Amino acid sequence: MKHISKLYLTIIFSILFLLSISIIFFAKNSQRDKHQELSSYLIRDFQKALDFENADLLSFSLALSEDGALKNALTSNNEQKAFEILSSITKRFRKYTHIKTLRLQVLDRDFFIFAQSWGQGSVGMPMWWFRDDLEKLKHNKEPKVGMETGRMLTFKATIPLRSGKECIGYLEVIKFVDEFAQKLHQSGIELFALMETKYLKQASLMRDFPFLNRYIIVNQNFNKKLKKHASFIDWKELNSLGYFYKEGMLFVLEPMYNGEREEIGKYLIVLPKETVNRYEKSYQDISLVTRLSDSDLYRVVKSWKEESSMHKIEQNSIDSWKIGEIQ
């Protein structure tokens, strides 16, 4: 009887042990699935916000490229007048809208700097020395927008300026990544825009920027406390899975592409602990980041083709902000 009792106890213990292992295994898998699903929703929202940022920049640039006074300044080779027009536009935007880092520049048809809104010290400088993305414009002369390298890595929309059918030069509208990162920060999401170090050859103004895991941090308004955490996470696992969960924080890694869909770095998107809890409750019902519907994006894309006066340029930008501002 003792032998049978020991046998029963051994069997029961084995069953309980297997059940415990199974529960732990399924619990871990459930947590992993939850983090994977959460990262998928975060990536979706991030890409939606990124698409809107590019669409908004392009729509404004297309409208501004129809400014007759700016074209006249270019065709009459009046660099001073072009500078005054560009600087006046940026001053009004800084005063009346959320856009504080807007920069404008005009290039001649050979990609030499004709005028810049922030100064006149670089007039006459060839842009093709450090802007590989301009080469394609020589042939197709089509508007383009995206994250582009240069002396700084920024959002850039480049629009041909035309007099009739003739291309007389190019308008570029530039926004720093910091402004986009600030929008995400307002909803509790932190961004590290990371550029590959090989682009430092042309990105001369970024050579003193801090590093993170052998990347250059583009946006200088990054969360310094989170940078310490990000320095010690398992980057091998992060690159393999696309996400990493540690101490209640979710780290998500996304490729950074330029306008030609070439990978030039990574976006490290971080949900702090307090945001993870809030995001888990809200992601199934509504986008926490952009709150944009498909119809909102359709209106933005449609507006690319609409001509606007200078008054409409300012008003449309304000309206775009109201739609795109992160709650």
Protein backbone atom coordinates (compact mmCIF):
# COMPACT_ATOMS: atom_id res chain seq x y z
CA MET A 1 0.00 0.00 0.00
CA LYS A 2 2.89 2.38 0.80
CA HIS A 3 4.39 1.68 -2.59
CA ILE A 4 1.05 2.54 -4.30
CA SER A 5 0.68 5.74 -2.23
CA LYS A 6 4.19 6.86 -3.24
CA LEU A 7 3.35 6.10 -6.85
CA TYR A 8 0.16 8.17 -6.64
CA LEU A 9 2.01 11.04 -5.00
CA THR A 10 4.69 10.92 -7.70
CA ILE A 11 2.07 10.97 -10.44
CA ILE A 12 0.15 13.85 -8.81
CA PHE A 13 3.36 15.82 -8.29
CA SER A 14 4.37 15.25 -11.91
CA ILE A 15 0.97 16.40 -13.16
CA LEU A 16 1.07 19.51 -10.97
CA PHE A 17 4.62 20.25 -12.11
CA LEU A 18 3.64 19.93 -15.77
CA LEU A 19 0.58 22.10 -15.19
CA SER A 20 2.72 24.77 -13.54
CA ILE A 21 5.20 24.72 -16.42
CA SER A 22 2.34 24.92 -18.92
CA ILE A 23 0.73 27.85 -17.10
CA ILE A 24 4.06 29.75 -17.01
CA PHE A 25 4.70 28.94 -20.67
CA PHE A 26 1.27 30.10 -21.82
CA ALA A 27 1.44 33.17 -19.57
CA LYS A 28 4.74 34.17 -21.15
CA ASN A 29 3.38 33.54 -24.63
CA SER A 30 0.26 35.55 -23.78
CA GLN A 31 2.42 38.47 -22.60
CA ARG A 32 4.56 38.21 -25.72
CA ASP A 33 1.47 38.18 -27.94
CA LYS A 34 0.08 41.21 -26.11
CA HIS A 35 3.31 43.16 -26.55
CA GLN A 36 3.50 42.17 -30.20
CA GLU A 37 -0.08 43.29 -30.80
CA LEU A 38 0.53 46.53 -28.92
CA SER A 39 3.64 47.26 -30.97
CA SER A 40 1.69 46.63 -34.18
CA TYR A 41 -0.93 49.21 -33.21
CA LEU A 42 1.77 51.67 -32.20
CA ILE A 43 3.55 51.25 -35.55
CA ARG A 44 0.25 51.75 -37.39
CA ASP A 45 -0.43 54.98 -35.52
CA PHE A 46 3.14 56.18 -35.93
CA GLN A 47 3.09 55.61 -39.69
CA LYS A 48 -0.24 57.39 -39.91
CA ALA A 49 1.21 60.40 -38.10
CA LEU A 50 4.33 60.29 -40.28
CA ASP A 51 2.26 60.14 -43.48
CA PHE A 52 0.22 63.12 -42.34
CA GLU A 53 3.39 65.08 -41.56
CA ASN A 54 4.67 64.49 -45.10
CA ALA A 55 1.28 65.18 -46.70
CA ASP A 56 0.84 68.41 -44.76
CA LEU A 57 4.32 69.60 -45.70
CA LEU A 58 3.81 68.75 -49.36
CA SER A 59 0.41 70.43 -49.61
CA PHE A 60 1.78 73.65 -48.13
CA SER A 61 4.84 73.52 -50.43
CA LEU A 62 2.74 73.05 -53.57
CA ALA A 63 0.59 76.02 -52.68
CA LEU A 64 3.59 78.20 -51.89
CA SER A 65 5.29 77.26 -55.18
CA GLU A 66 2.55 79.18 -57.04
CA ASP A 67 3.57 82.50 -55.46
CA GLY A 68 4.09 84.91 -58.36
CA ALA A 69 6.32 87.35 -56.46
CA LEU A 70 8.73 84.57 -55.56
CA LYS A 71 8.92 83.42 -59.18
CA ASN A 72 9.48 86.98 -60.37
CA ALA A 73 12.35 87.39 -57.91
CA LEU A 74 13.96 84.23 -59.27
CA THR A 75 13.56 85.08 -62.96
CA SER A 76 14.83 88.65 -62.38
CA ASN A 77 17.79 87.31 -60.35
CA ASN A 78 16.75 89.41 -57.35
CA GLU A 79 18.20 87.44 -54.45
CA GLN A 80 17.40 90.14 -51.87
CA LYS A 81 13.72 90.20 -52.82
CA ALA A 82 13.49 86.40 -52.64
CA PHE A 83 15.10 86.46 -49.19
CA GLU A 84 12.60 89.07 -47.97
CA ILE A 85 9.64 87.03 -49.26
CA LEU A 86 10.84 83.78 -47.68
CA SER A 87 11.78 85.31 -44.33
CA SER A 88 8.45 87.16 -44.16
CA ILE A 89 6.53 83.91 -44.68
CA THR A 90 8.44 82.04 -41.97
CA LYS A 91 8.03 84.91 -39.50
CA ARG A 92 4.26 84.88 -39.97
CA PHE A 93 4.11 81.13 -39.48
CA ARG A 94 6.18 81.29 -36.30
CA LYS A 95 3.87 84.02 -34.98
CA TYR A 96 0.46 82.63 -35.92
CA THR A 97 0.84 78.82 -36.08
CA HIS A 98 2.39 75.92 -34.21
CA ILE A 99 5.14 75.64 -36.84
CA LYS A 100 8.29 77.09 -35.26
CA THR A 101 11.10 75.37 -37.19
CA LEU A 102 9.91 76.06 -40.73
CA ARG A 103 12.68 76.92 -43.18
CA LEU A 104 12.34 77.85 -46.85
CA GLN A 105 14.90 77.99 -49.62
CA VAL A 106 14.92 78.51 -53.38
CA LEU A 107 17.39 76.72 -55.66
CA ASP A 108 18.11 77.69 -59.24
CA ARG A 109 17.67 75.15 -62.01
CA ASP A 110 21.24 73.90 -61.51
CA PHE A 111 20.68 73.36 -57.76
CA PHE A 112 22.69 76.32 -56.50
CA ILE A 113 21.21 78.16 -53.49
CA PHE A 114 19.40 81.30 -54.64
CA ALA A 115 17.76 82.37 -51.38
CA GLN A 116 17.13 81.06 -47.86
CA SER A 117 14.68 82.30 -45.26
CA TRP A 118 17.18 82.13 -42.39
CA GLY A 119 20.05 84.12 -43.93
CA GLN A 120 22.11 85.01 -46.97
CA GLY A 121 25.45 83.49 -46.09
CA SER A 122 25.05 80.38 -48.25
CA VAL A 123 23.79 82.03 -51.46
CA GLY A 124 25.54 80.55 -54.48
CA MET A 125 26.52 77.32 -52.71
CA PRO A 126 25.98 74.14 -54.80
CA MET A 127 23.48 71.82 -53.12
CA TRP A 128 24.45 68.73 -55.10
CA TRP A 129 27.66 68.44 -53.04
CA PHE A 130 25.72 66.94 -50.13
CA ARG A 131 22.24 66.21 -51.53
CA ASP A 132 22.22 62.96 -53.51
CA ASP A 133 18.41 63.04 -53.58
CA LEU A 134 18.39 66.01 -55.99
CA GLU A 135 19.90 64.02 -58.84
CA LYS A 136 16.59 62.44 -59.83
CA LEU A 137 14.92 65.86 -60.07
CA LYS A 138 17.15 66.71 -63.02
CA HIS A 139 15.19 64.19 -65.07
CA ASN A 140 11.63 63.88 -63.76
CA LYS A 141 11.14 67.37 -62.19
CA GLU A 142 8.32 66.02 -60.01
CA PRO A 143 7.42 67.22 -56.50
CA LYS A 144 8.81 65.03 -53.75
CA VAL A 145 8.68 64.89 -49.97
CA GLY A 146 10.34 62.82 -47.29
CA MET A 147 13.12 62.55 -44.76
CA GLU A 148 16.31 63.57 -46.56
CA THR A 149 19.93 63.85 -45.56
CA GLY A 150 21.96 66.99 -46.17
CA ARG A 151 23.91 69.08 -43.71
CA MET A 152 20.98 68.15 -41.43
CA LEU A 153 18.54 65.26 -41.62
CA THR A 154 15.12 66.90 -41.90
CA PHE A 155 11.70 66.62 -43.51
CA LYS A 156 12.06 68.21 -46.93
CA ALA A 157 9.51 68.93 -49.65
CA THR A 158 11.10 69.91 -52.98
CA ILE A 159 8.83 71.47 -55.61
CA PRO A 160 9.75 72.60 -59.13
CA LEU A 161 9.03 76.30 -59.77
CA ARG A 162 7.59 76.80 -63.24
CA SER A 163 7.04 79.70 -65.55
CA GLY A 164 4.56 78.22 -67.99
CA LYS A 165 5.99 74.80 -68.80
CA GLU A 166 9.57 75.82 -68.14
CA CYS A 167 11.23 74.82 -64.86
CA ILE A 168 13.02 77.91 -63.53
CA GLY A 169 14.17 76.51 -60.18
CA TYR A 170 13.03 74.69 -57.07
CA LEU A 171 11.38 75.57 -53.78
CA GLU A 172 12.25 73.60 -50.66
CA VAL A 173 10.24 73.63 -47.45
CA ILE A 174 12.13 72.19 -44.49
CA LYS A 175 10.97 71.10 -41.02
CA PHE A 176 13.10 69.70 -38.21
CA VAL A 177 12.31 66.27 -36.81
CA ASP A 178 12.13 67.82 -33.33
CA GLU A 179 8.72 69.31 -34.11
CA PHE A 180 7.32 65.91 -35.09
CA ALA A 181 8.85 64.35 -31.96
CA GLN A 182 7.21 67.05 -29.85
CA LYS A 183 3.78 66.14 -31.21
CA LEU A 184 4.33 62.54 -30.17
CA HIS A 185 5.64 63.63 -26.77
CA GLN A 186 2.40 65.50 -26.09
CA SER A 187 0.58 62.18 -26.19
CA GLY A 188 3.15 60.46 -23.97
CA ILE A 189 5.12 58.80 -26.77
CA GLU A 190 8.86 59.37 -27.02
CA LEU A 191 10.84 59.32 -30.26
CA PHE A 192 14.48 58.78 -31.08
CA ALA A 193 15.09 59.44 -34.80
CA LEU A 194 18.32 57.55 -35.51
CA MET A 195 20.47 58.19 -38.59
CA GLU A 196 23.15 55.80 -39.85
CA THR A 197 26.65 57.17 -39.26
CA LYS A 198 27.69 56.82 -42.91
CA TYR A 199 25.66 59.94 -43.70
CA LEU A 200 27.82 62.10 -41.43
CA LYS A 201 30.03 62.77 -44.45
CA GLN A 202 27.41 65.18 -45.80
CA ALA A 203 25.60 65.87 -42.51
CA SER A 204 28.31 68.25 -41.33
CA LEU A 205 26.03 70.05 -38.83
CA MET A 206 25.29 66.79 -36.99
CA ARG A 207 28.81 65.57 -36.25
CA ASP A 208 28.59 66.60 -32.60
CA PHE A 209 25.16 65.05 -32.05
CA PRO A 210 24.92 62.23 -29.45
CA PHE A 211 24.97 58.55 -30.38
CA LEU A 212 22.67 55.67 -29.47
CA ASN A 213 23.71 52.12 -30.38
CA ARG A 214 26.01 53.35 -33.19
CA TYR A 215 23.32 55.67 -34.63
CA ILE A 216 23.19 59.47 -34.56
CA ILE A 217 20.21 60.88 -32.62
CA VAL A 218 18.61 63.38 -35.03
CA ASN A 219 16.05 65.08 -32.77
CA GLN A 220 17.73 66.96 -29.97
CA ASN A 221 14.58 67.10 -27.81
CA PHE A 222 14.83 63.39 -26.99
CA ASN A 223 14.07 62.10 -23.49
CA LYS A 224 17.48 61.89 -21.80
CA LYS A 225 16.23 59.62 -19.02
CA LEU A 226 14.86 57.13 -21.53
CA LYS A 227 18.11 57.27 -23.51
CA LYS A 228 19.85 55.65 -20.52
CA HIS A 229 17.30 52.83 -20.54
CA ALA A 230 17.56 52.46 -24.33
CA SER A 231 21.35 52.13 -24.07
CA PHE A 232 21.02 48.95 -22.00
CA ILE A 233 18.22 47.08 -23.75
CA ASP A 234 18.88 43.96 -25.85
CA TRP A 235 19.31 45.53 -29.30
CA LYS A 236 19.81 42.12 -30.88
CA GLU A 237 16.34 41.06 -29.75
CA LEU A 238 14.93 44.49 -30.62
CA ASN A 239 16.23 44.21 -34.19
CA SER A 240 15.01 40.62 -34.48
CA LEU A 241 11.47 41.08 -33.10
CA GLY A 242 10.98 44.77 -33.83
CA TYR A 243 10.01 45.42 -30.20
CA PHE A 244 11.43 44.95 -26.70
CA TYR A 245 9.61 45.13 -23.35
CA LYS A 246 11.51 46.04 -20.21
CA GLU A 247 10.46 47.32 -16.79
CA GLY A 248 6.99 48.26 -18.01
CA MET A 249 8.31 50.18 -21.06
CA LEU A 250 7.77 49.17 -24.68
CA PHE A 251 10.53 49.91 -27.23
CA VAL A 252 9.58 49.60 -30.91
CA LEU A 253 11.98 49.84 -33.83
CA GLU A 254 10.90 50.95 -37.31
CA PRO A 255 12.99 51.57 -40.46
CA MET A 256 13.57 55.18 -41.47
CA TYR A 257 13.31 55.70 -45.24
CA ASN A 258 14.16 58.67 -47.40
CA GLY A 259 12.04 59.83 -50.34
CA GLU A 260 13.46 57.09 -52.54
CA ARG A 261 12.50 54.39 -50.02
CA GLU A 262 16.14 53.78 -49.11
CA GLU A 263 16.71 52.93 -45.47
CA ILE A 264 18.80 55.66 -43.84
CA GLY A 265 18.29 54.81 -40.18
CA LYS A 266 15.70 53.77 -37.60
CA TYR A 267 12.87 55.23 -35.57
CA LEU A 268 13.01 54.09 -31.96
CA ILE A 269 9.51 54.66 -30.55
CA VAL A 270 9.13 54.31 -26.79
CA LEU A 271 6.00 53.93 -24.71
CA PRO A 272 6.84 54.80 -21.08
CA LYS A 273 5.15 52.75 -18.38
CA GLU A 274 2.29 55.18 -17.79
CA THR A 275 1.59 55.42 -21.52
CA VAL A 276 1.63 51.63 -21.99
CA ASN A 277 -1.27 51.25 -19.55
CA ARG A 278 -3.24 54.04 -21.19
CA TYR A 279 -2.48 52.81 -24.70
CA GLU A 280 -3.58 49.27 -23.91
CA LYS A 281 -7.02 50.59 -22.97
CA SER A 282 -7.44 52.85 -25.97
CA TYR A 283 -5.80 51.28 -29.03
CA GLN A 284 -8.73 49.05 -29.92
CA ASP A 285 -11.14 51.98 -30.11
CA ILE A 286 -9.22 55.04 -31.31
CA SER A 287 -5.75 56.09 -32.45
CA LEU A 288 -4.01 57.76 -29.51
CA VAL A 289 -1.47 59.53 -31.71
CA THR A 290 -3.19 61.17 -34.66
CA ARG A 291 -6.97 60.77 -34.34
CA LEU A 292 -7.17 61.08 -38.12
CA SER A 293 -9.85 59.30 -40.10
CA ASP A 294 -9.39 58.08 -43.67
CA SER A 295 -11.49 61.02 -44.83
CA ASP A 296 -9.07 63.42 -43.10
CA LEU A 297 -6.14 61.97 -45.00
CA TYR A 298 -8.14 62.05 -48.24
CA ARG A 299 -8.77 65.77 -47.77
CA VAL A 300 -5.07 66.40 -47.23
CA VAL A 301 -4.03 64.46 -50.33
CA LYS A 302 -6.73 66.17 -52.39
CA SER A 303 -5.49 69.58 -51.23
CA TRP A 304 -2.11 68.93 -52.90
CA LYS A 305 -3.68 69.76 -56.24
CA GLU A 306 -5.50 72.90 -55.16
CA GLU A 307 -4.07 76.34 -55.86
CA SER A 308 -4.03 78.83 -53.01
CA SER A 309 -3.29 82.51 -52.52
CA MET A 310 -0.88 83.57 -49.78
CA HIS A 311 -3.83 84.14 -47.43
CA LYS A 312 -5.08 80.61 -48.07
CA ILE A 313 -1.60 79.21 -47.46
CA GLU A 314 -1.61 80.52 -43.93
CA GLN A 315 -5.21 79.54 -43.22
CA ASN A 316 -4.79 76.00 -44.61
CA SER A 317 -1.70 75.47 -42.48
CA ILE A 318 -3.60 76.55 -39.37
CA ASP A 319 -6.49 74.24 -40.29
CA SER A 320 -4.06 71.36 -40.89
CA TRP A 321 -2.61 71.93 -37.45
CA LYS A 322 -6.05 71.80 -35.85
CA ILE A 323 -6.71 68.48 -37.54
CA GLY A 324 -3.28 66.96 -37.03
CA GLU A 325 -2.41 68.27 -33.55
CA ILE A 326 -2.09 65.33 -31.17
CA GLN A 327 -4.61 65.46 -28.40
